Amino acid sequence: MTSHRILHLAAALAGVLTMSGLATQAFAQETSFDKLATLPFAEGRPTKETAQTLRDELLFQRATQTYLWALPLINTLGMQVGSEKHFGAGYNVLPIWKQRLDAKTLVTTPNSDLLYAMSYVDLGKDGPLVMDAPPMLQGILLDYWQRPIPVDGGKFFGDVGLFGPDAGKGGKFLILPPGYKGEVPQGHFVYRSGTNNVFIFLRGFYEDPKNLTPADAHLEKTRIYPLNGETGAKAMKFPDASGIQVNMLPMSDGSAFEQLKRLVDSGATISPVRIGSACWRRSASSRVSRSLRMRTAARSSSGPRRPVTR
């Protein structure tokens, strides 16, 4: 058999397998829809088994929407859980990938041409925190929705360094929790977070890829401490995260909901929209109305369509 013939057979087999997989998915979807559509009713009322099946389906749909709604939180929580499992927790713990990041670190959207330092702080637990940064430090301060934290004055959002309010000169960066009404001392760049939990994300740049020590030493000049407790602050720790097998990806099992629950139970603010709030209900109602309008328009233009189910 010629190599040309083998390639044709391989391509045909791949096509069959692909279509078979799509057909299996379609069959599973159809079966799930039919199961829901043909549930038994007695005298126009759902049976006990039907009611339980519908409750289970409603729970599944709500869980799916919650996961999608909270995905930015889940992504940040995944990084935090993975990091703290291996390197420890606390405002004074700043893991640094001192030999650059490689494939052993599972995390979203990484690069390997610079050094990273990442920390996860809790303003609800430790109160306002100060990050004392050296000149030319580059980074960003994000809330747990991964939104850049606005800086007083309205000109800067999240950035630290050349693109931040310090213009690369370094300084003291004060991170305040939501709704903070206390005194704000002079001489600080003031960041007002939308969540109690804050993601500190720093970068280190090197001139010679064979000598990363200066870039590492520069990152290790960073200090993080409570606003009113600099003298008694915990000593900084800079564990080397390079070469360590660590999973910092978003959780894709039931633990995602457990972590979200812990976040809520800790009293953390999870704005922009709180589940169950009037704003959330209005937003949900708007999404439902928009979805219904889209479905109506789709049906009028191309005939009836069945909803996507499990």
Protein backbone atom coordinates (compact mmCIF):
# COMPACT_ATOMS: atom_id res chain seq x y z
CA MET A 1 0.00 0.00 0.00
CA THR A 2 1.40 3.37 -1.01
CA SER A 3 2.01 6.14 1.51
CA HIS A 4 -0.49 8.28 -0.46
CA ARG A 5 -3.18 5.62 0.03
CA ILE A 6 -2.37 5.36 3.75
CA LEU A 7 -2.76 9.11 4.18
CA HIS A 8 -6.17 8.99 2.50
CA LEU A 9 -7.33 6.15 4.76
CA ALA A 10 -6.04 7.95 7.86
CA ALA A 11 -7.87 11.12 6.88
CA ALA A 12 -11.07 9.18 6.25
CA LEU A 13 -10.79 7.40 9.60
CA ALA A 14 -10.23 10.71 11.39
CA GLY A 15 -13.32 12.12 9.70
CA VAL A 16 -15.43 9.14 10.72
CA LEU A 17 -14.23 9.37 14.33
CA THR A 18 -14.92 13.10 14.42
CA MET A 19 -18.44 12.70 13.02
CA SER A 20 -19.03 9.80 15.37
CA GLY A 21 -18.04 11.96 18.32
CA LEU A 22 -20.32 14.78 17.19
CA ALA A 23 -23.15 12.36 16.64
CA THR A 24 -22.67 10.91 20.13
CA GLN A 25 -22.80 14.41 21.65
CA ALA A 26 -25.90 15.26 19.63
CA PHE A 27 -27.56 11.99 20.67
CA ALA A 28 -26.76 12.65 24.32
CA GLN A 29 -28.22 16.15 24.04
CA GLU A 30 -31.32 14.86 22.30
CA THR A 31 -31.78 12.15 24.90
CA SER A 32 -31.50 14.67 27.75
CA PHE A 33 -34.02 16.99 26.10
CA ASP A 34 -36.45 14.15 25.43
CA LYS A 35 -36.10 12.96 29.01
CA LEU A 36 -37.16 16.35 30.31
CA ALA A 37 -39.84 16.90 27.67
CA THR A 38 -41.55 13.56 28.29
CA LEU A 39 -41.49 13.46 32.08
CA PRO A 40 -44.67 11.90 33.45
CA PHE A 41 -47.46 14.04 34.89
CA ALA A 42 -50.51 12.77 36.76
CA GLU A 43 -53.71 14.75 36.36
CA GLY A 44 -51.72 17.71 35.08
CA ARG A 45 -49.36 17.71 38.04
CA PRO A 46 -45.75 16.43 38.16
CA THR A 47 -45.21 13.15 39.91
CA LYS A 48 -42.84 12.98 42.86
CA GLU A 49 -40.09 11.61 40.61
CA THR A 50 -40.73 14.26 37.95
CA ALA A 51 -40.52 17.06 40.50
CA GLN A 52 -37.19 15.74 41.78
CA THR A 53 -35.79 15.44 38.25
CA LEU A 54 -36.79 19.03 37.49
CA ARG A 55 -35.26 20.25 40.75
CA ASP A 56 -32.03 18.46 39.87
CA GLU A 57 -32.01 20.04 36.41
CA LEU A 58 -32.68 23.48 37.87
CA LEU A 59 -29.79 23.01 40.32
CA PHE A 60 -27.51 21.95 37.47
CA GLN A 61 -28.46 25.01 35.39
CA ARG A 62 -27.97 27.36 38.34
CA ALA A 63 -24.59 25.82 39.13
CA THR A 64 -23.51 26.25 35.51
CA GLN A 65 -24.52 29.92 35.46
CA THR A 66 -22.87 30.54 38.83
CA TYR A 67 -19.60 29.02 37.61
CA LEU A 68 -19.62 31.15 34.45
CA TRP A 69 -20.59 34.29 36.38
CA ALA A 70 -17.82 33.73 38.95
CA LEU A 71 -15.11 32.53 36.53
CA PRO A 72 -12.79 35.51 37.17
CA LEU A 73 -13.05 34.80 40.91
CA ILE A 74 -12.53 31.08 40.37
CA ASN A 75 -9.43 31.75 38.27
CA THR A 76 -7.88 33.93 40.98
CA LEU A 77 -8.87 31.48 43.70
CA GLY A 78 -7.26 28.66 41.72
CA MET A 79 -3.98 30.57 41.64
CA GLN A 80 -4.22 31.37 45.34
CA VAL A 81 -5.07 27.82 46.44
CA GLY A 82 -2.30 26.29 44.32
CA SER A 83 0.27 28.84 45.46
CA GLU A 84 -0.54 28.72 49.17
CA LYS A 85 -0.56 24.92 49.16
CA HIS A 86 3.12 24.88 48.17
CA PHE A 87 4.56 28.21 49.34
CA GLY A 88 2.46 29.30 52.30
CA ALA A 89 -0.04 32.10 52.95
CA GLY A 90 0.08 35.62 54.31
CA TYR A 91 0.75 39.19 53.25
CA ASN A 92 4.47 38.56 53.81
CA VAL A 93 4.71 35.60 51.40
CA LEU A 94 5.74 36.58 47.87
CA PRO A 95 6.72 33.55 45.74
CA ILE A 96 9.12 34.40 42.93
CA TRP A 97 9.84 32.31 39.86
CA LYS A 98 13.54 33.01 40.22
CA GLN A 99 14.62 30.82 37.29
CA ARG A 100 11.67 31.86 35.16
CA LEU A 101 8.41 30.01 34.78
CA ASP A 102 8.28 26.64 33.00
CA ALA A 103 5.69 23.98 32.17
CA LYS A 104 5.71 22.64 35.73
CA THR A 105 3.71 25.70 36.80
CA LEU A 106 0.16 25.28 35.55
CA VAL A 107 -1.33 28.78 35.35
CA THR A 108 -3.32 30.78 32.81
CA THR A 109 -1.55 32.98 30.22
CA PRO A 110 2.05 32.78 31.48
CA ASN A 111 5.23 33.94 29.76
CA SER A 112 8.73 32.55 30.20
CA ASP A 113 10.77 35.59 29.17
CA LEU A 114 10.62 37.38 32.55
CA LEU A 115 10.36 36.68 36.27
CA TYR A 116 7.04 36.58 38.09
CA ALA A 117 6.13 37.28 41.71
CA MET A 118 2.56 36.71 42.92
CA SER A 119 0.91 37.25 46.27
CA TYR A 120 -2.64 37.05 47.61
CA VAL A 121 -3.60 39.33 50.50
CA ASP A 122 -6.75 39.67 52.62
CA LEU A 123 -7.66 43.22 53.62
CA GLY A 124 -10.59 41.93 55.63
CA LYS A 125 -8.19 39.98 57.84
CA ASP A 126 -5.15 42.26 57.96
CA GLY A 127 -6.72 45.65 57.26
CA PRO A 128 -5.20 48.20 54.88
CA LEU A 129 -1.82 47.11 53.57
CA VAL A 130 1.16 49.01 52.23
CA MET A 131 3.36 47.70 49.45
CA ASP A 132 6.72 49.45 49.58
CA ALA A 133 8.17 49.07 46.09
CA PRO A 134 11.65 49.92 44.79
CA PRO A 135 12.19 52.12 41.73
CA MET A 136 11.54 50.53 38.32
CA LEU A 137 9.38 47.75 39.75
CA GLN A 138 6.68 46.71 37.29
CA GLY A 139 3.39 45.18 38.29
CA ILE A 140 -0.32 45.53 38.79
CA LEU A 141 -2.73 45.37 41.73
CA LEU A 142 -5.97 43.54 40.98
CA ASP A 143 -9.09 42.75 42.95
CA TYR A 144 -10.35 39.17 42.89
CA TRP A 145 -12.47 39.87 39.82
CA GLN A 146 -9.10 40.63 38.17
CA ARG A 147 -10.08 44.27 37.75
CA PRO A 148 -7.26 46.80 38.02
CA ILE A 149 -7.73 48.67 41.31
CA PRO A 150 -8.46 52.39 40.79
CA VAL A 151 -6.01 54.90 42.22
CA ASP A 152 -7.16 58.09 43.92
CA GLY A 153 -7.14 60.88 41.37
CA GLY A 154 -8.80 58.88 38.61
CA LYS A 155 -5.83 58.77 36.23
CA PHE A 156 -4.42 55.33 37.04
CA PHE A 157 -5.88 51.86 37.47
CA GLY A 158 -3.88 49.05 39.03
CA ASP A 159 -0.47 49.75 37.51
CA VAL A 160 2.69 50.00 39.57
CA GLY A 161 5.88 51.32 37.97
CA LEU A 162 6.44 53.17 34.72
CA PHE A 163 2.73 53.08 33.83
CA GLY A 164 1.60 53.79 37.39
CA PRO A 165 1.32 56.94 39.49
CA ASP A 166 4.95 56.61 40.63
CA ALA A 167 6.20 56.77 37.01
CA GLY A 168 8.82 54.14 37.80
CA LYS A 169 10.23 55.95 40.85
CA GLY A 170 8.82 53.45 43.35
CA GLY A 171 7.19 54.40 46.63
CA LYS A 172 4.50 53.35 49.09
CA PHE A 173 1.33 51.91 47.59
CA LEU A 174 -1.58 51.87 50.05
CA ILE A 175 -4.26 49.23 49.35
CA LEU A 176 -7.60 49.99 51.02
CA PRO A 177 -10.58 47.61 51.47
CA PRO A 178 -14.06 48.37 50.10
CA GLY A 179 -15.82 51.25 51.82
CA TYR A 180 -12.78 52.32 53.84
CA LYS A 181 -13.57 55.52 55.80
CA GLY A 182 -10.45 55.79 57.96
CA GLU A 183 -7.57 58.19 57.77
CA VAL A 184 -5.42 58.12 54.66
CA PRO A 185 -1.83 59.16 55.45
CA GLN A 186 0.14 61.45 53.19
CA GLY A 187 2.96 60.17 51.00
CA HIS A 188 1.13 57.10 49.68
CA PHE A 189 -0.36 56.18 46.32
CA VAL A 190 -3.88 55.14 47.33
CA TYR A 191 -5.58 52.13 45.71
CA ARG A 192 -9.21 51.42 46.69
CA SER A 193 -10.07 47.78 46.06
CA GLY A 194 -13.53 46.51 45.18
CA THR A 195 -12.87 43.27 47.11
CA ASN A 196 -11.23 42.48 50.43
CA ASN A 197 -8.98 40.00 48.69
CA VAL A 198 -6.30 41.44 46.43
CA PHE A 199 -3.97 39.83 43.88
CA ILE A 200 -0.49 41.39 43.80
CA PHE A 201 1.16 40.58 40.48
CA LEU A 202 4.75 41.72 39.86
CA ARG A 203 7.23 41.26 37.02
CA GLY A 204 11.01 41.19 37.00
CA PHE A 205 13.06 42.00 33.89
CA TYR A 206 16.62 40.89 33.20
CA GLU A 207 19.36 41.99 30.83
CA ASP A 208 21.15 38.66 30.58
CA PRO A 209 19.08 35.43 30.52
CA LYS A 210 22.12 33.62 31.93
CA ASN A 211 22.18 35.85 34.98
CA LEU A 212 18.78 36.29 36.62
CA THR A 213 20.13 37.21 40.06
CA PRO A 214 19.81 41.01 39.65
CA ALA A 215 16.17 40.74 38.56
CA ASP A 216 15.41 38.43 41.50
CA ALA A 217 17.20 40.72 43.97
CA HIS A 218 15.20 43.67 42.65
CA LEU A 219 11.88 41.90 43.26
CA GLU A 220 13.03 40.95 46.77
CA LYS A 221 13.27 44.64 47.68
CA THR A 222 9.46 44.66 47.85
CA ARG A 223 7.94 44.95 51.31
CA ILE A 224 4.28 44.40 52.27
CA TYR A 225 2.99 45.26 55.73
CA PRO A 226 -0.12 46.52 57.58
CA LEU A 227 -0.70 50.26 57.45
CA ASN A 228 -0.55 50.63 61.22
CA GLY A 229 1.91 47.86 61.93
CA GLU A 230 5.11 48.33 59.98
CA THR A 231 7.37 47.89 63.01
CA GLY A 232 5.71 44.64 64.05
CA ALA A 233 5.14 43.28 60.55
CA LYS A 234 6.06 39.73 59.66
CA ALA A 235 9.38 39.27 57.89
CA MET A 236 9.03 38.92 54.13
CA LYS A 237 9.47 35.49 52.58
CA PHE A 238 10.42 34.98 48.94
CA PRO A 239 10.16 31.24 48.19
CA ASP A 240 11.54 30.11 44.84
CA ALA A 241 8.62 28.77 42.79
CA SER A 242 10.72 27.70 39.80
CA GLY A 243 10.83 24.02 38.91
CA ILE A 244 8.04 23.07 41.33
CA GLN A 245 5.02 21.14 40.12
CA VAL A 246 2.12 23.39 41.11
CA ASN A 247 -1.41 23.58 39.76
CA MET A 248 -2.74 27.15 39.78
CA LEU A 249 -5.45 26.68 37.17
CA PRO A 250 -9.14 27.43 37.76
CA MET A 251 -10.83 24.62 39.66
CA SER A 252 -13.06 22.52 37.43
CA ASP A 253 -14.78 20.30 40.01
CA GLY A 254 -16.94 20.73 43.10
CA SER A 255 -14.10 22.41 44.97
CA ALA A 256 -14.79 25.58 42.95
CA PHE A 257 -18.06 26.02 44.81
CA GLU A 258 -16.42 25.18 48.12
CA GLN A 259 -13.84 27.92 47.56
CA LEU A 260 -16.52 30.42 46.56
CA LYS A 261 -18.42 29.57 49.74
CA ARG A 262 -15.30 30.11 51.86
CA LEU A 263 -14.78 33.45 50.17
CA VAL A 264 -18.33 34.52 50.99
CA ASP A 265 -18.24 33.07 54.53
CA SER A 266 -15.06 35.04 55.26
CA GLY A 267 -17.05 38.24 54.84
CA ALA A 268 -15.26 39.08 51.63
CA THR A 269 -16.90 41.59 49.33
CA ILE A 270 -17.61 39.94 45.98
CA SER A 271 -18.96 42.92 44.08
CA PRO A 272 -19.63 44.00 41.30
CA VAL A 273 -22.87 42.05 41.75
CA ARG A 274 -23.82 40.13 44.88
CA ILE A 275 -25.83 36.94 44.36
CA GLY A 276 -29.41 37.50 45.50
CA SER A 277 -29.14 41.28 45.69
CA ALA A 278 -31.68 43.55 44.02
CA CYS A 279 -29.00 44.46 41.47
CA TRP A 280 -28.37 40.77 40.80
CA ARG A 281 -32.09 40.07 40.37
CA ARG A 282 -32.46 43.00 37.95
CA SER A 283 -29.40 41.80 36.04
CA ALA A 284 -30.71 38.23 35.94
CA SER A 285 -34.14 39.44 34.82
CA SER A 286 -32.53 41.51 32.06
CA ARG A 287 -30.49 38.52 30.88
CA VAL A 288 -33.61 36.32 30.81
CA SER A 289 -35.60 38.93 28.89
CA ARG A 290 -32.79 39.43 26.40
CA SER A 291 -32.48 35.65 25.99
CA LEU A 292 -36.21 35.32 25.35
CA ARG A 293 -36.14 38.10 22.77
CA MET A 294 -33.20 36.45 21.00
CA ARG A 295 -34.95 33.09 21.00
CA THR A 296 -38.14 34.62 19.65
CA ALA A 297 -36.24 36.36 16.87
CA ALA A 298 -34.35 33.16 16.03
CA ARG A 299 -37.53 31.10 15.89
CA SER A 300 -39.30 33.60 13.66
CA SER A 301 -36.39 33.60 11.23
CA SER A 302 -35.42 29.95 11.14
CA GLY A 303 -38.16 27.93 12.79
CA PRO A 304 -38.39 26.34 16.24
CA ARG A 305 -35.19 25.42 18.07
CA ARG A 306 -34.68 23.21 21.07
CA PRO A 307 -32.76 24.49 24.08
CA VAL A 308 -29.28 23.19 24.77
CA THR A 309 -29.24 20.85 27.76
CA ARG A 310 -26.81 18.40 29.26
